[in-house]
Amino acid sequence: MKKHMLQTRWNDLGFTLIELLTVIAIIGVLAAMITPAVGKAKEKAQIMTAKKDLQVIIGAIHSYNATYGRLPAPKPAQNSLNDNSPDFTFGTVASTGGTALVDRRGQALPLLQNQWANYQGNNSDVVAILRDIDRFRNGTLPANWNPAKSNPPQSMNPQKQDFLDGFKDVDYQKAPAGGNQGISKGGGIGPDGVLRDPWGNPFIITLDLNYDNSCRDAFYRTEAVSQDKSQSGNPDLGYNGLRRVPAASAGDNTPHRFEAKTSVMVWSFGPDGKINSNAGANLLQNKDNVCSWK
């Protein structure tokens, strides 16, 4: 009798195996429903952060321009301009040249560079000038520093102002086995001086170096990306306000002349970290790109 009473009380206070499995199943269903929502909320927050970063970068460049009467481009970039490339895009080319920068996980990014230019670079060139850096934290020198001269990048920012003081420094993560080093987290300036978006990829910066208040970005200048195919009556109309401008000279003989009416273009590969040079600006991998002119 006592044994029966104890068993009854135990059953009253505890859970049966079926009840426990039911609770676990319900929790699993709820987790499966919540996880995508949490992921979407996180992605949305990162996009908002990236948009704010774009404006901070543009504001810093405009402040520099107001202070010195010029845009923050090193001499090699200025000297590489020609009729087909009147402006300069600081893309994904590593400072060592030839290869692309890596993403957060150490994988090579698409090689984004200026056509017809004899110099290529990434946004560390701009960062070095805006922050008055004469040597990056990993020991490398900015592109505009000629060690043979006594006044390297300081000559581009003689007042020694830090126009990018709103960005923090981020470090490399340990290299995965058999892989390249990535970035520990996005949203800051790496040891190599590269300013990265919330997903750990470099911001792309294009400067109007012929000072006509228009920018011809290395990626968005192309027909495949920017020509709005729905505007069959005017093949010079592009997505998001871009237009194909008339040739500046006889040497400007490429059809890839789509430009934005601005002196600075800044953009990010977005959440997917990818671009597609054969797709329209609002399609496929390009659809989620975060751009200052959209």
Protein backbone atom coordinates (compact mmCIF):
# COMPACT_ATOMS: atom_id res chain seq x y z
CA MET A 1 0.00 0.00 0.00
CA LYS A 2 2.77 2.42 0.93
CA LYS A 3 4.65 1.53 -2.23
CA HIS A 4 1.56 2.26 -4.34
CA MET A 5 1.09 5.65 -2.65
CA LEU A 6 4.73 6.61 -3.24
CA GLN A 7 4.47 5.63 -6.88
CA THR A 8 1.31 7.71 -7.28
CA ARG A 9 2.94 10.78 -5.72
CA TRP A 10 6.02 10.40 -7.92
CA ASN A 11 3.87 10.26 -11.05
CA ASP A 12 1.95 13.32 -9.89
CA LEU A 13 5.11 15.34 -9.36
CA GLY A 14 7.16 14.23 -12.41
CA PHE A 15 6.84 13.94 -16.20
CA THR A 16 6.30 10.87 -18.25
CA LEU A 17 8.72 10.11 -21.06
CA ILE A 18 6.05 10.97 -23.63
CA GLU A 19 5.38 14.33 -21.99
CA LEU A 20 9.09 15.11 -21.90
CA LEU A 21 9.54 14.25 -25.57
CA THR A 22 6.51 16.38 -26.45
CA VAL A 23 7.98 19.39 -24.66
CA ILE A 24 11.34 18.89 -26.40
CA ALA A 25 9.60 18.66 -29.78
CA ILE A 26 7.67 21.89 -29.12
CA ILE A 27 10.87 23.68 -28.13
CA GLY A 28 12.52 22.43 -31.32
CA VAL A 29 9.66 23.71 -33.47
CA LEU A 30 9.74 27.10 -31.73
CA ALA A 31 13.53 27.32 -32.16
CA ALA A 32 13.20 26.50 -35.87
CA MET A 33 10.63 29.27 -36.21
CA ILE A 34 12.61 31.85 -34.23
CA THR A 35 16.10 31.23 -35.69
CA PRO A 36 15.36 32.60 -39.21
CA ALA A 37 13.65 35.63 -37.67
CA VAL A 38 16.67 36.28 -35.45
CA GLY A 39 18.99 35.87 -38.46
CA LYS A 40 16.92 38.31 -40.52
CA ALA A 41 16.89 40.83 -37.68
CA LYS A 42 20.67 40.55 -37.33
CA GLU A 43 21.15 40.98 -41.09
CA LYS A 44 18.87 44.02 -41.12
CA ALA A 45 20.83 45.58 -38.26
CA GLN A 46 24.11 44.93 -40.10
CA ILE A 47 22.75 46.57 -43.25
CA MET A 48 21.75 49.64 -41.24
CA THR A 49 25.24 49.73 -39.71
CA ALA A 50 26.83 49.46 -43.16
CA LYS A 51 24.68 52.34 -44.44
CA LYS A 52 25.76 54.49 -41.50
CA ASP A 53 29.40 53.56 -42.14
CA LEU A 54 29.04 54.64 -45.77
CA GLN A 55 27.91 58.07 -44.65
CA VAL A 56 30.70 58.34 -42.09
CA ILE A 57 33.29 57.51 -44.77
CA ILE A 58 31.79 60.01 -47.21
CA GLY A 59 31.62 62.64 -44.48
CA ALA A 60 35.29 62.07 -43.65
CA ILE A 61 36.29 62.42 -47.31
CA HIS A 62 34.26 65.62 -47.68
CA SER A 63 35.82 67.00 -44.47
CA TYR A 64 39.26 66.24 -45.83
CA ASN A 65 38.37 67.90 -49.12
CA ALA A 66 37.08 70.98 -47.29
CA THR A 67 40.30 71.15 -45.26
CA TYR A 68 42.82 70.64 -48.06
CA GLY A 69 40.94 71.41 -51.28
CA ARG A 70 41.58 67.95 -52.77
CA LEU A 71 40.38 64.37 -52.45
CA PRO A 72 42.43 61.85 -50.38
CA ALA A 73 44.09 59.87 -53.15
CA PRO A 74 47.79 58.92 -53.12
CA LYS A 75 50.07 60.02 -55.94
CA PRO A 76 50.20 56.57 -57.63
CA ALA A 77 46.40 56.62 -58.01
CA GLN A 78 46.39 60.18 -59.32
CA ASN A 79 49.15 59.41 -61.81
CA SER A 80 47.32 56.35 -63.17
CA LEU A 81 44.37 58.32 -64.58
CA ASN A 82 43.69 58.29 -68.31
CA ASP A 83 40.83 59.00 -70.73
CA ASN A 84 39.20 55.60 -70.16
CA SER A 85 39.72 55.73 -66.38
CA PRO A 86 39.22 59.36 -65.36
CA ASP A 87 38.38 58.41 -61.76
CA PHE A 88 39.89 55.86 -59.38
CA THR A 89 38.30 52.93 -57.56
CA PHE A 90 40.00 51.56 -54.46
CA GLY A 91 38.86 47.97 -54.86
CA THR A 92 39.99 44.57 -53.60
CA VAL A 93 43.56 44.39 -54.89
CA ALA A 94 45.97 43.57 -52.07
CA SER A 95 48.65 46.14 -51.34
CA THR A 96 51.25 43.62 -52.49
CA GLY A 97 49.58 43.80 -55.92
CA GLY A 98 48.19 41.20 -58.32
CA THR A 99 46.11 39.22 -55.83
CA ALA A 100 42.82 39.97 -54.11
CA LEU A 101 42.20 40.69 -50.45
CA VAL A 102 40.57 37.90 -48.45
CA ASP A 103 37.22 37.88 -46.70
CA ARG A 104 36.62 37.28 -43.00
CA ARG A 105 37.13 33.53 -43.41
CA GLY A 106 40.36 33.89 -45.35
CA GLN A 107 38.86 33.19 -48.78
CA ALA A 108 39.95 35.32 -51.76
CA LEU A 109 37.47 38.03 -52.77
CA PRO A 110 36.58 38.84 -56.40
CA LEU A 111 39.41 40.84 -57.94
CA LEU A 112 37.94 44.31 -58.39
CA GLN A 113 40.32 46.76 -60.05
CA ASN A 114 40.51 49.68 -62.48
CA GLN A 115 40.76 48.91 -66.18
CA TRP A 116 43.46 50.61 -68.24
CA ALA A 117 45.22 51.85 -65.08
CA ASN A 118 48.87 51.18 -64.26
CA TYR A 119 48.23 51.25 -60.51
CA GLN A 120 45.72 49.33 -58.37
CA GLY A 121 44.88 49.67 -54.71
CA ASN A 122 42.34 49.19 -51.93
CA ASN A 123 40.85 51.58 -49.41
CA SER A 124 43.91 51.40 -47.15
CA ASP A 125 45.36 54.05 -49.49
CA VAL A 126 42.56 56.40 -48.45
CA VAL A 127 42.64 55.34 -44.79
CA ALA A 128 46.37 56.13 -44.53
CA ILE A 129 45.72 59.72 -45.64
CA LEU A 130 42.53 60.26 -43.63
CA ARG A 131 44.13 58.91 -40.43
CA ASP A 132 47.64 60.27 -41.05
CA ILE A 133 49.20 56.80 -40.89
CA ASP A 134 52.82 56.37 -41.95
CA ARG A 135 52.94 52.63 -41.21
CA PHE A 136 50.09 50.14 -40.70
CA ARG A 137 49.84 47.96 -37.60
CA ASN A 138 51.14 44.93 -39.50
CA GLY A 139 54.29 46.86 -40.41
CA THR A 140 53.52 47.51 -44.08
CA LEU A 141 53.84 50.96 -45.64
CA PRO A 142 51.01 52.90 -47.29
CA ALA A 143 51.13 53.14 -51.07
CA ASN A 144 51.92 56.85 -51.03
CA TRP A 145 54.96 56.47 -48.80
CA ASN A 146 58.25 56.50 -50.63
CA PRO A 147 60.84 55.61 -47.96
CA ALA A 148 63.44 57.56 -49.95
CA LYS A 149 61.57 60.77 -49.14
CA SER A 150 61.40 62.48 -45.78
CA ASN A 151 57.74 63.50 -45.95
CA PRO A 152 55.61 60.43 -46.81
CA PRO A 153 51.82 60.39 -46.14
CA GLN A 154 52.11 63.33 -43.75
CA SER A 155 52.45 65.54 -46.82
CA MET A 156 48.87 64.51 -47.71
CA ASN A 157 47.56 65.34 -44.22
CA PRO A 158 49.96 67.89 -42.74
CA GLN A 159 47.53 68.94 -40.00
CA LYS A 160 47.61 65.32 -38.72
CA GLN A 161 43.84 65.08 -38.34
CA ASP A 162 42.13 61.74 -37.87
CA PHE A 163 39.09 62.08 -40.11
CA LEU A 164 38.09 58.45 -39.40
CA ASP A 165 38.17 58.51 -35.61
CA GLY A 166 34.75 56.82 -35.49
CA PHE A 167 36.16 53.47 -36.65
CA LYS A 168 37.91 51.01 -34.33
CA ASP A 169 40.84 48.72 -35.06
CA VAL A 170 40.16 44.99 -35.63
CA ASP A 171 42.69 42.16 -35.70
CA TYR A 172 43.37 39.07 -37.75
CA GLN A 173 42.05 35.77 -36.52
CA LYS A 174 44.31 32.75 -36.38
CA ALA A 175 44.78 31.19 -39.78
CA PRO A 176 42.58 28.08 -40.29
CA ALA A 177 44.49 24.88 -41.00
CA GLY A 178 45.70 25.12 -44.56
CA GLY A 179 43.96 28.43 -45.14
CA ASN A 180 44.70 32.14 -45.14
CA GLN A 181 44.22 34.55 -42.28
CA GLY A 182 40.81 36.16 -42.04
CA ILE A 183 39.51 39.03 -39.95
CA SER A 184 38.33 38.39 -36.40
CA LYS A 185 35.23 40.51 -36.99
CA GLY A 186 33.94 43.14 -39.37
CA GLY A 187 33.22 46.80 -38.93
CA GLY A 188 36.66 48.30 -38.42
CA ILE A 189 40.17 48.88 -39.73
CA GLY A 190 42.41 45.82 -39.96
CA PRO A 191 46.15 45.61 -39.27
CA ASP A 192 46.70 46.14 -43.01
CA GLY A 193 44.79 49.43 -42.89
CA VAL A 194 41.79 48.08 -44.82
CA LEU A 195 38.44 49.47 -43.66
CA ARG A 196 35.89 46.66 -43.64
CA ASP A 197 32.11 46.42 -43.57
CA PRO A 198 30.06 44.56 -40.89
CA TRP A 199 30.60 41.28 -42.80
CA GLY A 200 34.39 41.64 -42.86
CA ASN A 201 34.77 42.70 -46.51
CA PRO A 202 36.49 45.90 -47.69
CA PHE A 203 34.42 48.96 -48.49
CA ILE A 204 34.87 49.97 -52.13
CA ILE A 205 35.64 53.68 -52.56
CA THR A 206 35.63 55.59 -55.85
CA LEU A 207 36.86 59.19 -56.00
CA ASP A 208 36.16 61.80 -58.66
CA LEU A 209 39.80 62.52 -59.47
CA ASN A 210 39.11 64.51 -62.62
CA TYR A 211 36.87 66.77 -60.50
CA ASP A 212 33.83 66.86 -62.80
CA ASN A 213 31.43 65.97 -59.96
CA SER A 214 30.83 62.49 -61.42
CA CYS A 215 32.25 59.09 -60.49
CA ARG A 216 33.00 56.20 -62.82
CA ASP A 217 33.25 53.20 -60.49
CA ALA A 218 35.28 50.22 -61.71
CA PHE A 219 32.34 47.84 -61.21
CA TYR A 220 29.25 49.97 -61.78
CA ARG A 221 30.64 51.66 -64.88
CA THR A 222 29.96 48.58 -67.03
CA GLU A 223 26.99 47.99 -69.35
CA ALA A 224 26.33 44.51 -67.96
CA VAL A 225 25.88 45.84 -64.43
CA SER A 226 24.40 49.32 -64.81
CA GLN A 227 22.51 49.52 -68.11
CA ASP A 228 18.77 49.43 -67.43
CA LYS A 229 17.53 46.96 -70.05
CA SER A 230 13.93 48.03 -69.49
CA GLN A 231 14.74 51.46 -70.94
CA SER A 232 15.04 50.28 -74.52
CA GLY A 233 14.39 53.77 -75.84
CA ASN A 234 17.45 55.16 -74.07
CA PRO A 235 20.37 52.73 -73.68
CA ASP A 236 22.29 55.35 -71.69
CA LEU A 237 19.95 55.14 -68.70
CA GLY A 238 21.26 53.05 -65.81
CA TYR A 239 19.99 51.65 -62.53
CA ASN A 240 19.76 53.78 -59.38
CA GLY A 241 20.40 57.09 -61.09
CA LEU A 242 23.52 56.15 -63.04
CA ARG A 243 23.83 57.30 -66.65
CA ARG A 244 26.22 56.64 -69.50
CA VAL A 245 27.99 59.92 -70.15
CA PRO A 246 29.29 61.13 -73.53
CA ALA A 247 32.89 60.27 -74.34
CA ALA A 248 35.21 62.85 -72.82
CA SER A 249 37.68 62.58 -75.69
CA ALA A 250 38.71 60.44 -78.61
CA GLY A 251 40.67 58.30 -76.18
CA ASP A 252 37.55 57.58 -74.12
CA ASN A 253 36.53 54.80 -76.50
CA THR A 254 34.80 52.34 -74.18
CA PRO A 255 31.01 51.89 -73.88
CA HIS A 256 31.44 51.28 -70.13
CA ARG A 257 30.94 54.91 -69.13
CA PHE A 258 28.12 54.73 -66.58
CA GLU A 259 28.65 57.31 -63.84
CA ALA A 260 26.97 58.58 -60.69
CA LYS A 261 26.50 62.31 -60.26
CA THR A 262 28.61 62.60 -57.13
CA SER A 263 32.22 63.16 -56.15
CA VAL A 264 32.41 60.05 -53.93
CA MET A 265 30.94 56.56 -54.29
CA VAL A 266 31.23 54.07 -51.43
CA TRP A 267 29.71 50.60 -51.42
CA SER A 268 29.83 47.14 -49.90
CA PHE A 269 29.32 43.61 -51.24
CA GLY A 270 26.50 43.29 -48.69
CA PRO A 271 25.41 40.30 -46.58
CA ASP A 272 26.30 37.63 -49.16
CA GLY A 273 29.82 39.03 -49.69
CA LYS A 274 29.52 38.50 -53.45
CA ILE A 275 29.23 40.44 -56.71
CA ASN A 276 28.40 39.35 -60.26
CA SER A 277 29.94 41.29 -63.16
CA ASN A 278 27.48 39.69 -65.60
CA ALA A 279 24.29 40.60 -63.73
CA GLY A 280 22.36 43.84 -63.40
CA ALA A 281 22.87 46.08 -60.39
CA ASN A 282 19.56 44.99 -58.82
CA LEU A 283 19.81 41.28 -59.64
CA LEU A 284 21.33 38.07 -58.23
CA GLN A 285 24.48 38.58 -56.13
CA ASN A 286 24.40 42.35 -56.74
CA LYS A 287 20.89 42.80 -55.34
CA ASP A 288 22.01 43.07 -51.70
CA ASN A 289 25.00 45.37 -52.31
CA VAL A 290 24.89 48.34 -49.95
CA CYS A 291 25.57 51.50 -51.97
CA SER A 292 25.79 55.16 -50.99
CA TRP A 293 23.81 56.31 -54.05
CA LYS A 294 20.77 54.02 -53.64
